[in-house]
């Protein structure tokens, strides 16, 4: 049966290769699925959605940690249960105690709730106790899964809170966070594009129409008009100074 290794990072500062190495070391034959810069919501993870659509009963999905599957406890537990009921095996390298095989073994250890003691009253009493123990075993296994996803969600929430507190502290100390107000962000490709607009556009030094310039330079229509507007603003400022 196919084995898939799902790897995800949600910020450019993270390195997805660490997850790839961990999964490949444990499952050398795993087909690696990479998801980059998709945030924390499962619904926004296109590669995971594709994988979930194609997996069949008996297939295996491996995650480096439970947080790679979902950082929302509610969504994670729901997705876990859905895949388990579909017969898909889930493996978490950092949380093996919630692997579906472990969960399945816990359920299989349940005792028979149909005793035959010869006494109907005793059989009902013992059966009630066995049913309660089996429900407790199943609930305990589910609670372990819920706690794992809840911990992953807490770690993300704590990180966001520390980030907000750090930004607030920096601002209170007079540090500039982000771009200075009123300052335009300079994109590396904008300078050569603007030079071409000035060279070819009939509104500047050239003879081409806007449509011909867009085709020649190879940039989006909105970007072209944005650069053109900025060029006019620069010319106006130079004339006034």
C-alpha atoms as a PDB file:
ATOM      1  CA  UNK A   1       0.000   0.000   0.000  1.00  0.00           C
ATOM      2  CA  UNK A   2       1.273   3.533  -0.760  1.00  0.00           C
ATOM      3  CA  UNK A   3       2.970   5.547   1.977  1.00  0.00           C
ATOM      4  CA  UNK A   4       2.797   9.350   1.800  1.00  0.00           C
ATOM      5  CA  UNK A   5       4.896  11.745   3.813  1.00  0.00           C
ATOM      6  CA  UNK A   6       3.226  15.122   4.278  1.00  0.00           C
ATOM      7  CA  UNK A   7       5.538  18.052   5.034  1.00  0.00           C
ATOM      8  CA  UNK A   8       4.396  21.616   5.628  1.00  0.00           C
ATOM      9  CA  UNK A   9       5.931  24.952   6.553  1.00  0.00           C
ATOM     10  CA  UNK A  10       3.963  28.142   7.106  1.00  0.00           C
ATOM     11  CA  UNK A  11       6.672  30.819   7.120  1.00  0.00           C
ATOM     12  CA  UNK A  12       9.597  31.527   4.772  1.00  0.00           C
ATOM     13  CA  UNK A  13      11.973  31.253   7.752  1.00  0.00           C
ATOM     14  CA  UNK A  14      11.221  27.553   8.229  1.00  0.00           C
ATOM     15  CA  UNK A  15      13.057  24.759   6.418  1.00  0.00           C
ATOM     16  CA  UNK A  16      10.877  21.982   5.048  1.00  0.00           C
ATOM     17  CA  UNK A  17      13.846  19.681   4.410  1.00  0.00           C
ATOM     18  CA  UNK A  18      14.104  18.779   8.097  1.00  0.00           C
ATOM     19  CA  UNK A  19      10.654  17.202   7.945  1.00  0.00           C
ATOM     20  CA  UNK A  20      11.525  15.495   4.670  1.00  0.00           C
ATOM     21  CA  UNK A  21      14.668  13.952   6.186  1.00  0.00           C
ATOM     22  CA  UNK A  22      12.840  12.728   9.282  1.00  0.00           C
ATOM     23  CA  UNK A  23      10.091  11.037   7.294  1.00  0.00           C
ATOM     24  CA  UNK A  24      12.497   9.582   4.705  1.00  0.00           C
ATOM     25  CA  UNK A  25      14.638   8.112   7.495  1.00  0.00           C
ATOM     26  CA  UNK A  26      11.646   6.302   9.025  1.00  0.00           C
ATOM     27  CA  UNK A  27       9.871   5.507   5.736  1.00  0.00           C
ATOM     28  CA  UNK A  28      12.414   5.444   2.869  1.00  0.00           C
ATOM     29  CA  UNK A  29       9.779   4.507   0.281  1.00  0.00           C
ATOM     30  CA  UNK A  30       7.388   7.323   1.255  1.00  0.00           C
ATOM     31  CA  UNK A  31       6.170   9.646  -1.483  1.00  0.00           C
ATOM     32  CA  UNK A  32       6.843  13.132  -0.108  1.00  0.00           C
ATOM     33  CA  UNK A  33       4.142  15.797  -0.445  1.00  0.00           C
ATOM     34  CA  UNK A  34       5.348  19.356   0.213  1.00  0.00           C
ATOM     35  CA  UNK A  35       3.132  22.246   1.315  1.00  0.00           C
ATOM     36  CA  UNK A  36       4.701  25.698   1.571  1.00  0.00           C
ATOM     37  CA  UNK A  37       3.445  28.939   3.169  1.00  0.00           C
ATOM     38  CA  UNK A  38      -0.173  27.977   3.743  1.00  0.00           C
ATOM     39  CA  UNK A  39      -0.901  29.089   7.285  1.00  0.00           C
ATOM     40  CA  UNK A  40      -2.591  27.079   9.991  1.00  0.00           C
ATOM     41  CA  UNK A  41      -6.043  26.368   8.578  1.00  0.00           C
ATOM     42  CA  UNK A  42      -6.521  22.944   7.038  1.00  0.00           C
ATOM     43  CA  UNK A  43      -8.960  24.336   4.487  1.00  0.00           C
ATOM     44  CA  UNK A  44      -6.160  26.446   3.013  1.00  0.00           C
ATOM     45  CA  UNK A  45      -3.787  23.528   2.429  1.00  0.00           C
ATOM     46  CA  UNK A  46      -4.239  22.622  -1.185  1.00  0.00           C
ATOM     47  CA  UNK A  47      -1.670  19.811  -1.308  1.00  0.00           C
ATOM     48  CA  UNK A  48      -3.141  18.188   1.792  1.00  0.00           C
ATOM     49  CA  UNK A  49      -6.622  18.448   0.294  1.00  0.00           C
ATOM     50  CA  UNK A  50      -5.378  16.715  -2.861  1.00  0.00           C
ATOM     51  CA  UNK A  51      -3.758  13.981  -0.786  1.00  0.00           C
ATOM     52  CA  UNK A  52      -6.868  13.409   1.316  1.00  0.00           C
ATOM     53  CA  UNK A  53      -8.920  13.148  -1.866  1.00  0.00           C
ATOM     54  CA  UNK A  54      -6.762  10.415  -3.380  1.00  0.00           C
ATOM     55  CA  UNK A  55      -5.830   8.201  -0.393  1.00  0.00           C
ATOM     56  CA  UNK A  56      -7.493   4.804  -0.208  1.00  0.00           C
ATOM     57  CA  UNK A  57      -8.159   2.370   2.656  1.00  0.00           C
ATOM     58  CA  UNK A  58      -4.862   0.774   3.656  1.00  0.00           C
ATOM     59  CA  UNK A  59      -2.755   3.760   2.568  1.00  0.00           C
ATOM     60  CA  UNK A  60      -0.495   5.464   5.102  1.00  0.00           C
ATOM     61  CA  UNK A  61       0.130   9.169   5.729  1.00  0.00           C
ATOM     62  CA  UNK A  62       3.188  10.076   7.796  1.00  0.00           C
ATOM     63  CA  UNK A  63       3.609  13.422   9.564  1.00  0.00           C
ATOM     64  CA  UNK A  64       6.732  14.690  11.296  1.00  0.00           C
ATOM     65  CA  UNK A  65       4.472  15.922  14.100  1.00  0.00           C
ATOM     66  CA  UNK A  66       0.804  16.366  14.831  1.00  0.00           C
ATOM     67  CA  UNK A  67       1.112  20.121  14.218  1.00  0.00           C
ATOM     68  CA  UNK A  68       1.847  19.433  10.531  1.00  0.00           C
ATOM     69  CA  UNK A  69      -1.580  17.813  10.143  1.00  0.00           C
ATOM     70  CA  UNK A  70      -3.509  20.508  11.981  1.00  0.00           C
ATOM     71  CA  UNK A  71      -2.822  23.078  14.673  1.00  0.00           C
ATOM     72  CA  UNK A  72      -6.504  23.370  15.491  1.00  0.00           C
ATOM     73  CA  UNK A  73      -7.571  20.779  18.049  1.00  0.00           C
ATOM     74  CA  UNK A  74     -11.149  20.633  16.775  1.00  0.00           C
ATOM     75  CA  UNK A  75     -10.239  20.289  13.088  1.00  0.00           C
ATOM     76  CA  UNK A  76      -7.401  17.890  13.838  1.00  0.00           C
ATOM     77  CA  UNK A  77      -9.537  15.488  15.858  1.00  0.00           C
ATOM     78  CA  UNK A  78     -12.290  15.571  13.246  1.00  0.00           C
ATOM     79  CA  UNK A  79      -9.840  14.882  10.412  1.00  0.00           C
ATOM     80  CA  UNK A  80      -8.160  12.097  12.415  1.00  0.00           C
ATOM     81  CA  UNK A  81     -11.496  10.376  13.028  1.00  0.00           C
ATOM     82  CA  UNK A  82     -12.553  10.751   9.386  1.00  0.00           C
ATOM     83  CA  UNK A  83      -9.342   9.192   8.076  1.00  0.00           C
ATOM     84  CA  UNK A  84      -9.405   6.433  10.693  1.00  0.00           C
ATOM     85  CA  UNK A  85     -12.949   5.493   9.689  1.00  0.00           C
ATOM     86  CA  UNK A  86     -11.823   5.459   6.036  1.00  0.00           C
ATOM     87  CA  UNK A  87      -9.154   2.897   6.901  1.00  0.00           C
ATOM     88  CA  UNK A  88      -6.214   5.253   6.347  1.00  0.00           C
ATOM     89  CA  UNK A  89      -3.214   4.677   8.621  1.00  0.00           C
ATOM     90  CA  UNK A  90      -1.807   7.811  10.301  1.00  0.00           C
ATOM     91  CA  UNK A  91       1.715   7.981  11.737  1.00  0.00           C
ATOM     92  CA  UNK A  92       3.164  10.860  13.762  1.00  0.00           C
ATOM     93  CA  UNK A  93       6.927  10.591  14.250  1.00  0.00           C
ATOM     94  CA  UNK A  94       7.017  12.836  17.328  1.00  0.00           C
ATOM     95  CA  UNK A  95       3.745  11.567  18.843  1.00  0.00           C
ATOM     96  CA  UNK A  96       3.663   7.814  18.123  1.00  0.00           C
ATOM     97  CA  UNK A  97       1.252   7.252  21.028  1.00  0.00           C
ATOM     98  CA  UNK A  98      -1.592   8.606  18.858  1.00  0.00           C
ATOM     99  CA  UNK A  99      -0.792   6.638  15.698  1.00  0.00           C
ATOM    100  CA  UNK A 100      -3.921   4.979  14.350  1.00  0.00           C
ATOM    101  CA  UNK A 101      -2.342   1.551  14.917  1.00  0.00           C
ATOM    102  CA  UNK A 102      -1.946   2.387  18.620  1.00  0.00           C
ATOM    103  CA  UNK A 103      -5.526   3.636  18.763  1.00  0.00           C
ATOM    104  CA  UNK A 104      -6.739   0.506  17.011  1.00  0.00           C
ATOM    105  CA  UNK A 105      -4.847  -1.750  19.439  1.00  0.00           C
ATOM    106  CA  UNK A 106      -6.440   0.042  22.387  1.00  0.00           C
ATOM    107  CA  UNK A 107      -9.884  -0.643  20.974  1.00  0.00           C
ATOM    108  CA  UNK A 108      -9.036  -4.262  20.201  1.00  0.00           C
ATOM    109  CA  UNK A 109      -8.008  -4.836  23.817  1.00  0.00           C
ATOM    110  CA  UNK A 110     -11.615  -4.355  24.883  1.00  0.00           C
ATOM    111  CA  UNK A 111     -13.050  -7.329  26.725  1.00  0.00           C
ATOM    112  CA  UNK A 112     -16.176  -9.232  25.836  1.00  0.00           C
ATOM    113  CA  UNK A 113     -19.286  -7.729  27.363  1.00  0.00           C
ATOM    114  CA  UNK A 114     -21.363 -10.923  27.088  1.00  0.00           C
ATOM    115  CA  UNK A 115     -20.547 -12.964  30.212  1.00  0.00           C
ATOM    116  CA  UNK A 116     -22.250 -16.294  30.907  1.00  0.00           C
ATOM    117  CA  UNK A 117     -22.225 -16.950  34.633  1.00  0.00           C
ATOM    118  CA  UNK A 118     -25.525 -18.794  34.769  1.00  0.00           C
ATOM    119  CA  UNK A 119     -27.200 -15.958  36.593  1.00  0.00           C
ATOM    120  CA  UNK A 120     -29.100 -13.404  34.552  1.00  0.00           C
ATOM    121  CA  UNK A 121     -28.702 -10.749  37.238  1.00  0.00           C
ATOM    122  CA  UNK A 122     -24.964 -11.374  37.532  1.00  0.00           C
ATOM    123  CA  UNK A 123     -24.569 -11.402  33.746  1.00  0.00           C
ATOM    124  CA  UNK A 124     -26.301  -8.008  33.493  1.00  0.00           C
ATOM    125  CA  UNK A 125     -24.166  -6.588  36.299  1.00  0.00           C
ATOM    126  CA  UNK A 126     -20.893  -7.881  34.839  1.00  0.00           C
ATOM    127  CA  UNK A 127     -21.920  -6.825  31.320  1.00  0.00           C
ATOM    128  CA  UNK A 128     -22.592  -3.304  32.565  1.00  0.00           C
ATOM    129  CA  UNK A 129     -19.144  -3.147  34.152  1.00  0.00           C
ATOM    130  CA  UNK A 130     -17.482  -4.455  30.976  1.00  0.00           C
ATOM    131  CA  UNK A 131     -19.343  -1.931  28.820  1.00  0.00           C
ATOM    132  CA  UNK A 132     -18.228   0.876  31.119  1.00  0.00           C
ATOM    133  CA  UNK A 133     -14.600  -0.310  30.975  1.00  0.00           C
ATOM    134  CA  UNK A 134     -14.704  -0.530  27.186  1.00  0.00           C
ATOM    135  CA  UNK A 135     -16.165   2.957  26.887  1.00  0.00           C
ATOM    136  CA  UNK A 136     -13.490   4.218  29.269  1.00  0.00           C
ATOM    137  CA  UNK A 137     -10.754   2.621  27.134  1.00  0.00           C
ATOM    138  CA  UNK A 138     -12.144   4.169  23.944  1.00  0.00           C
ATOM    139  CA  UNK A 139     -12.638   7.572  25.588  1.00  0.00           C
ATOM    140  CA  UNK A 140      -9.121   7.490  27.029  1.00  0.00           C
ATOM    141  CA  UNK A 141      -7.627   6.783  23.595  1.00  0.00           C
ATOM    142  CA  UNK A 142      -9.659   9.623  22.056  1.00  0.00           C
ATOM    143  CA  UNK A 143      -8.585  11.952  24.859  1.00  0.00           C
ATOM    144  CA  UNK A 144      -4.913  11.261  24.087  1.00  0.00           C
ATOM    145  CA  UNK A 145      -5.543  12.278  20.478  1.00  0.00           C
ATOM    146  CA  UNK A 146      -7.426  15.415  21.504  1.00  0.00           C
ATOM    147  CA  UNK A 147      -4.675  16.430  23.936  1.00  0.00           C
ATOM    148  CA  UNK A 148      -2.003  16.062  21.246  1.00  0.00           C
ATOM    149  CA  UNK A 149      -3.841  18.407  18.881  1.00  0.00           C
ATOM    150  CA  UNK A 150      -4.712  20.777  21.733  1.00  0.00           C
ATOM    151  CA  UNK A 151      -1.026  21.010  22.662  1.00  0.00           C
ATOM    152  CA  UNK A 152      -0.093  21.807  19.054  1.00  0.00           C
ATOM    153  CA  UNK A 153      -2.722  24.550  18.963  1.00  0.00           C
ATOM    154  CA  UNK A 154      -1.481  25.950  22.289  1.00  0.00           C
ATOM    155  CA  UNK A 155       2.088  26.144  21.010  1.00  0.00           C
ATOM    156  CA  UNK A 156       0.940  28.189  18.002  1.00  0.00           C
ATOM    157  CA  UNK A 157      -1.236  30.458  20.144  1.00  0.00           C
ATOM    158  CA  UNK A 158       1.667  31.002  22.556  1.00  0.00           C
ATOM    159  CA  UNK A 159       4.007  31.830  19.668  1.00  0.00           C
ATOM    160  CA  UNK A 160       1.560  34.388  18.266  1.00  0.00           C
ATOM    161  CA  UNK A 161       1.130  35.921  21.713  1.00  0.00           C
ATOM    162  CA  UNK A 162       4.905  36.190  22.235  1.00  0.00           C
ATOM    163  CA  UNK A 163       5.221  37.793  18.799  1.00  0.00           C
ATOM    164  CA  UNK A 164       2.545  40.375  19.587  1.00  0.00           C
ATOM    165  CA  UNK A 165       4.152  41.131  22.940  1.00  0.00           C
ATOM    166  CA  UNK A 166       7.574  41.471  21.300  1.00  0.00           C
ATOM    167  CA  UNK A 167       6.242  43.911  18.704  1.00  0.00           C
ATOM    168  CA  UNK A 168       4.494  45.966  21.395  1.00  0.00           C
ATOM    169  CA  UNK A 169       7.661  46.082  23.506  1.00  0.00           C
ATOM    170  CA  UNK A 170       9.734  47.170  20.499  1.00  0.00           C
ATOM    171  CA  UNK A 171       7.264  49.944  19.662  1.00  0.00           C
ATOM    172  CA  UNK A 172       7.214  51.166  23.250  1.00  0.00           C
ATOM    173  CA  UNK A 173      11.002  51.335  23.082  1.00  0.00           C
ATOM    174  CA  UNK A 174      10.761  53.539  19.995  1.00  0.00           C
ATOM    175  CA  UNK A 175      11.738  50.943  17.401  1.00  0.00           C
ATOM    176  CA  UNK A 176      10.193  51.062  13.933  1.00  0.00           C
ATOM    177  CA  UNK A 177       8.291  47.856  13.130  1.00  0.00           C
ATOM    178  CA  UNK A 178       7.656  47.222   9.459  1.00  0.00           C
ATOM    179  CA  UNK A 179       7.890  49.798   6.703  1.00  0.00           C
ATOM    180  CA  UNK A 180       8.210  53.473   7.612  1.00  0.00           C
ATOM    181  CA  UNK A 181       4.866  55.257   6.998  1.00  0.00           C
ATOM    182  CA  UNK A 182       4.865  57.167   3.698  1.00  0.00           C
ATOM    183  CA  UNK A 183       7.885  55.271   2.381  1.00  0.00           C
ATOM    184  CA  UNK A 184       7.316  53.276  -0.783  1.00  0.00           C
ATOM    185  CA  UNK A 185       8.570  49.755  -1.054  1.00  0.00           C
ATOM    186  CA  UNK A 186      11.069  49.393  -3.887  1.00  0.00           C
ATOM    187  CA  UNK A 187      10.835  46.148  -5.803  1.00  0.00           C
ATOM    188  CA  UNK A 188      14.000  45.045  -7.596  1.00  0.00           C
ATOM    189  CA  UNK A 189      12.256  44.447 -10.928  1.00  0.00           C
ATOM    190  CA  UNK A 190      10.470  47.817 -10.882  1.00  0.00           C
ATOM    191  CA  UNK A 191      13.545  49.883 -11.875  1.00  0.00           C
ATOM    192  CA  UNK A 192      14.290  48.094 -15.189  1.00  0.00           C
ATOM    193  CA  UNK A 193      10.565  47.971 -16.020  1.00  0.00           C
ATOM    194  CA  UNK A 194      10.237  51.698 -15.453  1.00  0.00           C
ATOM    195  CA  UNK A 195      13.254  52.344 -17.662  1.00  0.00           C
ATOM    196  CA  UNK A 196      11.597  50.376 -20.453  1.00  0.00           C
ATOM    197  CA  UNK A 197       8.332  52.265 -19.990  1.00  0.00           C
ATOM    198  CA  UNK A 198      10.176  55.583 -20.319  1.00  0.00           C
ATOM    199  CA  UNK A 199      12.009  54.291 -23.385  1.00  0.00           C
ATOM    200  CA  UNK A 200       9.073  52.799 -25.280  1.00  0.00           C
ATOM    201  CA  UNK A 201       5.880  54.565 -24.117  1.00  0.00           C
ATOM    202  CA  UNK A 202       4.697  57.426 -26.287  1.00  0.00           C
ATOM    203  CA  UNK A 203       3.788  59.262 -23.068  1.00  0.00           C
ATOM    204  CA  UNK A 204       7.514  59.564 -22.398  1.00  0.00           C
ATOM    205  CA  UNK A 205      10.360  59.068 -24.908  1.00  0.00           C
ATOM    206  CA  UNK A 206       8.911  56.304 -27.067  1.00  0.00           C
ATOM    207  CA  UNK A 207       6.272  55.729 -29.719  1.00  0.00           C
ATOM    208  CA  UNK A 208       4.359  52.652 -28.488  1.00  0.00           C
ATOM    209  CA  UNK A 209       0.847  52.515 -27.095  1.00  0.00           C
ATOM    210  CA  UNK A 210       0.163  51.197 -23.610  1.00  0.00           C
ATOM    211  CA  UNK A 211      -1.050  47.860 -24.982  1.00  0.00           C
ATOM    212  CA  UNK A 212       2.115  47.421 -27.078  1.00  0.00           C
ATOM    213  CA  UNK A 213       4.327  48.372 -24.110  1.00  0.00           C
ATOM    214  CA  UNK A 214       2.640  45.821 -21.870  1.00  0.00           C
ATOM    215  CA  UNK A 215       3.261  43.091 -24.448  1.00  0.00           C
ATOM    216  CA  UNK A 216       6.834  44.147 -25.076  1.00  0.00           C
ATOM    217  CA  UNK A 217       7.867  44.480 -21.442  1.00  0.00           C
ATOM    218  CA  UNK A 218       5.900  41.416 -20.356  1.00  0.00           C
ATOM    219  CA  UNK A 219       4.323  42.716 -17.152  1.00  0.00           C
ATOM    220  CA  UNK A 220       0.781  42.682 -15.809  1.00  0.00           C
ATOM    221  CA  UNK A 221      -1.566  45.462 -16.912  1.00  0.00           C
ATOM    222  CA  UNK A 222      -2.135  46.741 -13.363  1.00  0.00           C
ATOM    223  CA  UNK A 223       1.602  46.720 -12.656  1.00  0.00           C
ATOM    224  CA  UNK A 224       2.298  48.635 -15.859  1.00  0.00           C
ATOM    225  CA  UNK A 225      -0.130  51.426 -15.001  1.00  0.00           C
ATOM    226  CA  UNK A 226       1.159  51.527 -11.431  1.00  0.00           C
ATOM    227  CA  UNK A 227       4.738  52.027 -12.639  1.00  0.00           C
ATOM    228  CA  UNK A 228       3.556  54.588 -15.182  1.00  0.00           C
ATOM    229  CA  UNK A 229       1.741  56.562 -12.493  1.00  0.00           C
ATOM    230  CA  UNK A 230       4.821  56.494 -10.261  1.00  0.00           C
ATOM    231  CA  UNK A 231       6.978  57.743 -13.148  1.00  0.00           C
ATOM    232  CA  UNK A 232       4.668  60.702 -13.678  1.00  0.00           C
ATOM    233  CA  UNK A 233       4.749  61.471  -9.951  1.00  0.00           C
ATOM    234  CA  UNK A 234       8.557  61.376 -10.020  1.00  0.00           C
ATOM    235  CA  UNK A 235       8.645  63.749 -13.009  1.00  0.00           C
ATOM    236  CA  UNK A 236       6.258  66.142 -11.258  1.00  0.00           C
ATOM    237  CA  UNK A 237       8.390  66.170  -8.108  1.00  0.00           C
ATOM    238  CA  UNK A 238      11.554  66.788 -10.140  1.00  0.00           C
ATOM    239  CA  UNK A 239       9.941  69.710 -11.950  1.00  0.00           C
ATOM    240  CA  UNK A 240       8.774  71.276  -8.694  1.00  0.00           C
ATOM    241  CA  UNK A 241      12.133  70.926  -6.963  1.00  0.00           C
END
